Amino acid sequence: MRHMVSVLMENKFGVLARISTLFAARGFNIDSLSVSETEDPAISRMTIVVKSDGSILEQVTKQLNKLVDIIKVNDFTDCATIERGLALIKINVTKSCRDEIIGLIGMFRARIVDISQDSIVTEITGDEDKIDAFMKVVMPYGIKETNRTGIVALTRGNANKVK
């Protein structure tokens, strides 16, 4: 099962390494990891997506809460959340297919961030399914390179609000 964990932590050197080591030591492969400062520069928020058995993840969550630099840990798995990822995708283009690719980019509400004779770099944001669907649609034209961010997420409204 897919689980999403949000961790508020002190923005200090080495905290990210301790958290990722804790997951790795328990045999978790982290599918997505995103970390950045919050509105308070002294605090960072980490969003971690893993596939696992819920009981093992519960143990990891309890161990995370014991770490000194951790402020709060929330499992977003059963919460109403807003999730977003970002992908930069460099697509092969020829003169004959350029307009078609630009049309697909528009249909997915992506943006063109660079264009050259033989490629277009597009930026797309959304949930994983949207990004995967876009990549599947442009795959026949040839994808030269991709780079994706990890998932970032917040709960909707006041549900399970992270403080």
C-alpha atoms as a PDB file:
ATOM      1  CA  MET A   1       0.000   0.000   0.000  1.00  0.00           C
ATOM      2  CA  ARG A   2       1.158   3.546  -0.754  1.00  0.00           C
ATOM      3  CA  HIS A   3       1.801   5.708   2.319  1.00  0.00           C
ATOM      4  CA  MET A   4       2.620   9.383   2.517  1.00  0.00           C
ATOM      5  CA  VAL A   5       4.333  10.742   5.620  1.00  0.00           C
ATOM      6  CA  SER A   6       4.809  14.430   6.397  1.00  0.00           C
ATOM      7  CA  VAL A   7       7.588  15.345   8.820  1.00  0.00           C
ATOM      8  CA  LEU A   8       8.173  18.764  10.353  1.00  0.00           C
ATOM      9  CA  MET A   9      11.747  19.034  11.564  1.00  0.00           C
ATOM     10  CA  GLU A  10      14.336  21.510  12.674  1.00  0.00           C
ATOM     11  CA  ASN A  11      16.245  22.854   9.689  1.00  0.00           C
ATOM     12  CA  LYS A  12      19.648  21.538  10.751  1.00  0.00           C
ATOM     13  CA  PHE A  13      22.529  19.746   9.103  1.00  0.00           C
ATOM     14  CA  GLY A  14      22.215  15.925   9.134  1.00  0.00           C
ATOM     15  CA  VAL A  15      18.502  15.607   9.963  1.00  0.00           C
ATOM     16  CA  LEU A  16      17.575  14.497   6.431  1.00  0.00           C
ATOM     17  CA  ALA A  17      20.299  11.826   6.517  1.00  0.00           C
ATOM     18  CA  ARG A  18      19.091  10.455   9.874  1.00  0.00           C
ATOM     19  CA  ILE A  19      15.497  10.217   8.619  1.00  0.00           C
ATOM     20  CA  SER A  20      16.338   8.538   5.321  1.00  0.00           C
ATOM     21  CA  THR A  21      18.689   6.133   7.139  1.00  0.00           C
ATOM     22  CA  LEU A  22      15.860   5.188   9.495  1.00  0.00           C
ATOM     23  CA  PHE A  23      13.658   4.244   6.519  1.00  0.00           C
ATOM     24  CA  ALA A  24      16.473   2.386   4.749  1.00  0.00           C
ATOM     25  CA  ALA A  25      17.366   0.423   7.901  1.00  0.00           C
ATOM     26  CA  ARG A  26      13.791  -0.916   7.992  1.00  0.00           C
ATOM     27  CA  GLY A  27      13.952  -2.038   4.358  1.00  0.00           C
ATOM     28  CA  PHE A  28      11.813   0.750   2.896  1.00  0.00           C
ATOM     29  CA  ASN A  29      12.485   1.980  -0.588  1.00  0.00           C
ATOM     30  CA  ILE A  30      11.548   5.649  -0.643  1.00  0.00           C
ATOM     31  CA  ASP A  31       9.488   6.246  -3.805  1.00  0.00           C
ATOM     32  CA  SER A  32       9.442  10.015  -3.422  1.00  0.00           C
ATOM     33  CA  LEU A  33      11.200  12.455  -1.123  1.00  0.00           C
ATOM     34  CA  SER A  34      10.793  16.205  -1.031  1.00  0.00           C
ATOM     35  CA  VAL A  35      12.242  18.605   1.540  1.00  0.00           C
ATOM     36  CA  SER A  36      12.200  22.377   1.875  1.00  0.00           C
ATOM     37  CA  GLU A  37      11.997  25.195   4.365  1.00  0.00           C
ATOM     38  CA  THR A  38       8.554  26.146   5.616  1.00  0.00           C
ATOM     39  CA  GLU A  39       7.263  29.651   6.232  1.00  0.00           C
ATOM     40  CA  ASP A  40       9.651  29.568   9.239  1.00  0.00           C
ATOM     41  CA  PRO A  41      13.275  29.242   8.010  1.00  0.00           C
ATOM     42  CA  ALA A  42      14.190  27.301  11.174  1.00  0.00           C
ATOM     43  CA  ILE A  43      11.758  24.503  10.227  1.00  0.00           C
ATOM     44  CA  SER A  44      11.698  22.207   7.192  1.00  0.00           C
ATOM     45  CA  ARG A  45       8.915  19.963   5.915  1.00  0.00           C
ATOM     46  CA  MET A  46       9.715  16.578   4.413  1.00  0.00           C
ATOM     47  CA  THR A  47       7.189  14.586   2.402  1.00  0.00           C
ATOM     48  CA  ILE A  48       8.041  10.904   2.046  1.00  0.00           C
ATOM     49  CA  VAL A  49       6.134   8.404  -0.121  1.00  0.00           C
ATOM     50  CA  VAL A  50       6.733   4.680   0.455  1.00  0.00           C
ATOM     51  CA  LYS A  51       4.979   1.422  -0.346  1.00  0.00           C
ATOM     52  CA  SER A  52       4.700  -0.769   2.719  1.00  0.00           C
ATOM     53  CA  ASP A  53       2.721  -2.686   5.270  1.00  0.00           C
ATOM     54  CA  GLY A  54       0.996  -0.215   7.596  1.00  0.00           C
ATOM     55  CA  SER A  55       2.172  -1.848  10.840  1.00  0.00           C
ATOM     56  CA  ILE A  56       5.862  -1.540   9.925  1.00  0.00           C
ATOM     57  CA  LEU A  57       5.352   2.079   8.884  1.00  0.00           C
ATOM     58  CA  GLU A  58       3.674   2.759  12.222  1.00  0.00           C
ATOM     59  CA  GLN A  59       6.850   1.562  13.989  1.00  0.00           C
ATOM     60  CA  VAL A  60       9.007   3.837  11.814  1.00  0.00           C
ATOM     61  CA  THR A  61       6.678   6.771  12.558  1.00  0.00           C
ATOM     62  CA  LYS A  62       7.034   6.141  16.306  1.00  0.00           C
ATOM     63  CA  GLN A  63      10.829   6.002  15.944  1.00  0.00           C
ATOM     64  CA  LEU A  64      10.800   9.248  13.944  1.00  0.00           C
ATOM     65  CA  ASN A  65       8.874  10.940  16.760  1.00  0.00           C
ATOM     66  CA  LYS A  66      11.671   9.972  19.158  1.00  0.00           C
ATOM     67  CA  LEU A  67      14.363  11.800  17.168  1.00  0.00           C
ATOM     68  CA  VAL A  68      15.435  15.035  18.850  1.00  0.00           C
ATOM     69  CA  ASP A  69      15.123  17.302  15.786  1.00  0.00           C
ATOM     70  CA  ILE A  70      11.634  16.081  14.806  1.00  0.00           C
ATOM     71  CA  ILE A  71       8.747  18.419  15.632  1.00  0.00           C
ATOM     72  CA  LYS A  72       5.778  16.475  14.232  1.00  0.00           C
ATOM     73  CA  VAL A  73       5.122  13.379  12.097  1.00  0.00           C
ATOM     74  CA  ASN A  74       1.822  12.797  10.275  1.00  0.00           C
ATOM     75  CA  ASP A  75       0.781   9.855   8.133  1.00  0.00           C
ATOM     76  CA  PHE A  76      -1.270  11.436   5.317  1.00  0.00           C
ATOM     77  CA  THR A  77      -2.326   8.041   3.919  1.00  0.00           C
ATOM     78  CA  ASP A  78      -5.979   8.289   4.973  1.00  0.00           C
ATOM     79  CA  CYS A  79      -6.246  12.090   4.930  1.00  0.00           C
ATOM     80  CA  ALA A  80      -7.750  14.365   2.306  1.00  0.00           C
ATOM     81  CA  THR A  81      -4.642  15.913   0.792  1.00  0.00           C
ATOM     82  CA  ILE A  82      -3.518  18.082  -2.060  1.00  0.00           C
ATOM     83  CA  GLU A  83      -0.533  16.462  -3.790  1.00  0.00           C
ATOM     84  CA  ARG A  84       1.642  17.896  -6.516  1.00  0.00           C
ATOM     85  CA  GLY A  85       4.781  16.970  -8.362  1.00  0.00           C
ATOM     86  CA  LEU A  86       6.757  18.742 -11.063  1.00  0.00           C
ATOM     87  CA  ALA A  87       8.425  17.298 -14.141  1.00  0.00           C
ATOM     88  CA  LEU A  88      10.675  18.818 -16.762  1.00  0.00           C
ATOM     89  CA  ILE A  89      10.478  16.773 -19.948  1.00  0.00           C
ATOM     90  CA  LYS A  90      12.608  17.267 -23.062  1.00  0.00           C
ATOM     91  CA  ILE A  91      10.699  15.947 -26.086  1.00  0.00           C
ATOM     92  CA  ASN A  92      12.079  15.283 -29.570  1.00  0.00           C
ATOM     93  CA  VAL A  93      10.380  17.408 -32.223  1.00  0.00           C
ATOM     94  CA  THR A  94      10.454  17.613 -35.978  1.00  0.00           C
ATOM     95  CA  LYS A  95       8.917  20.279 -38.153  1.00  0.00           C
ATOM     96  CA  SER A  96       6.036  17.943 -39.005  1.00  0.00           C
ATOM     97  CA  CYS A  97       5.060  17.129 -35.407  1.00  0.00           C
ATOM     98  CA  ARG A  98       5.860  20.416 -33.617  1.00  0.00           C
ATOM     99  CA  ASP A  99       2.267  21.757 -33.717  1.00  0.00           C
ATOM    100  CA  GLU A 100       0.858  18.426 -32.580  1.00  0.00           C
ATOM    101  CA  ILE A 101       3.197  18.313 -29.563  1.00  0.00           C
ATOM    102  CA  ILE A 102       2.411  21.934 -28.678  1.00  0.00           C
ATOM    103  CA  GLY A 103      -1.283  21.021 -28.767  1.00  0.00           C
ATOM    104  CA  LEU A 104      -0.702  18.107 -26.361  1.00  0.00           C
ATOM    105  CA  ILE A 105       1.235  20.384 -24.024  1.00  0.00           C
ATOM    106  CA  GLY A 106      -1.743  22.762 -23.989  1.00  0.00           C
ATOM    107  CA  MET A 107      -4.255  19.965 -23.363  1.00  0.00           C
ATOM    108  CA  PHE A 108      -2.342  18.927 -20.228  1.00  0.00           C
ATOM    109  CA  ARG A 109      -1.939  22.550 -19.087  1.00  0.00           C
ATOM    110  CA  ALA A 110       1.818  22.201 -19.193  1.00  0.00           C
ATOM    111  CA  ARG A 111       4.162  25.052 -20.119  1.00  0.00           C
ATOM    112  CA  ILE A 112       6.888  25.271 -22.715  1.00  0.00           C
ATOM    113  CA  VAL A 113      10.050  26.492 -20.971  1.00  0.00           C
ATOM    114  CA  ASP A 114      12.527  26.008 -23.826  1.00  0.00           C
ATOM    115  CA  ILE A 115      12.227  25.388 -27.544  1.00  0.00           C
ATOM    116  CA  SER A 116      14.858  24.591 -30.156  1.00  0.00           C
ATOM    117  CA  GLN A 117      15.055  23.123 -33.659  1.00  0.00           C
ATOM    118  CA  ASP A 118      14.890  19.519 -32.445  1.00  0.00           C
ATOM    119  CA  SER A 119      13.391  19.619 -28.953  1.00  0.00           C
ATOM    120  CA  ILE A 120      10.880  21.223 -26.619  1.00  0.00           C
ATOM    121  CA  VAL A 121      11.333  21.306 -22.852  1.00  0.00           C
ATOM    122  CA  THR A 122       8.036  21.369 -21.016  1.00  0.00           C
ATOM    123  CA  GLU A 123       7.153  21.872 -17.377  1.00  0.00           C
ATOM    124  CA  ILE A 124       4.156  20.003 -16.016  1.00  0.00           C
ATOM    125  CA  THR A 125       2.755  20.025 -12.503  1.00  0.00           C
ATOM    126  CA  GLY A 126       0.074  17.851 -10.988  1.00  0.00           C
ATOM    127  CA  ASP A 127      -0.451  14.528  -9.309  1.00  0.00           C
ATOM    128  CA  GLU A 128       1.577  11.490 -10.353  1.00  0.00           C
ATOM    129  CA  ASP A 129      -1.207  10.163 -12.595  1.00  0.00           C
ATOM    130  CA  LYS A 130      -1.358  13.370 -14.632  1.00  0.00           C
ATOM    131  CA  ILE A 131       2.412  13.480 -15.125  1.00  0.00           C
ATOM    132  CA  ASP A 132       2.516   9.764 -16.014  1.00  0.00           C
ATOM    133  CA  ALA A 133      -0.339  10.210 -18.504  1.00  0.00           C
ATOM    134  CA  PHE A 134       1.419  13.131 -20.211  1.00  0.00           C
ATOM    135  CA  MET A 135       4.651  11.172 -20.473  1.00  0.00           C
ATOM    136  CA  LYS A 136       2.771   8.220 -21.998  1.00  0.00           C
ATOM    137  CA  VAL A 137       1.159  10.493 -24.607  1.00  0.00           C
ATOM    138  CA  VAL A 138       4.438  12.132 -25.692  1.00  0.00           C
ATOM    139  CA  MET A 139       6.512   8.927 -25.491  1.00  0.00           C
ATOM    140  CA  PRO A 140       5.916   8.019 -29.191  1.00  0.00           C
ATOM    141  CA  TYR A 141       7.599  11.289 -30.232  1.00  0.00           C
ATOM    142  CA  GLY A 142      10.677  10.423 -28.201  1.00  0.00           C
ATOM    143  CA  ILE A 143      11.590  11.698 -24.770  1.00  0.00           C
ATOM    144  CA  LYS A 144      15.231  12.806 -24.603  1.00  0.00           C
ATOM    145  CA  GLU A 145      15.393  13.528 -20.863  1.00  0.00           C
ATOM    146  CA  THR A 146      13.178  13.856 -17.815  1.00  0.00           C
ATOM    147  CA  ASN A 147      13.604  15.134 -14.295  1.00  0.00           C
ATOM    148  CA  ARG A 148      10.852  14.829 -11.678  1.00  0.00           C
ATOM    149  CA  THR A 149      10.524  16.235  -8.218  1.00  0.00           C
ATOM    150  CA  GLY A 150       9.221  14.341  -5.245  1.00  0.00           C
ATOM    151  CA  ILE A 151       5.618  14.745  -4.168  1.00  0.00           C
ATOM    152  CA  VAL A 152       4.720  17.709  -1.984  1.00  0.00           C
ATOM    153  CA  ALA A 153       1.481  17.560  -0.032  1.00  0.00           C
ATOM    154  CA  LEU A 154      -0.680  19.394   2.483  1.00  0.00           C
ATOM    155  CA  THR A 155      -3.951  18.359   4.058  1.00  0.00           C
ATOM    156  CA  ARG A 156      -7.110  19.994   2.756  1.00  0.00           C
ATOM    157  CA  GLY A 157      -8.800  22.634   4.904  1.00  0.00           C
ATOM    158  CA  ASN A 158      -8.441  21.989   8.630  1.00  0.00           C
ATOM    159  CA  ALA A 159      -8.426  18.190   8.353  1.00  0.00           C
ATOM    160  CA  ASN A 160      -5.510  16.751  10.290  1.00  0.00           C
ATOM    161  CA  LYS A 161      -3.788  20.119  10.183  1.00  0.00           C
ATOM    162  CA  VAL A 162      -0.033  19.920  10.655  1.00  0.00           C
ATOM    163  CA  LYS A 163       1.194  22.531  13.102  1.00  0.00           C
END
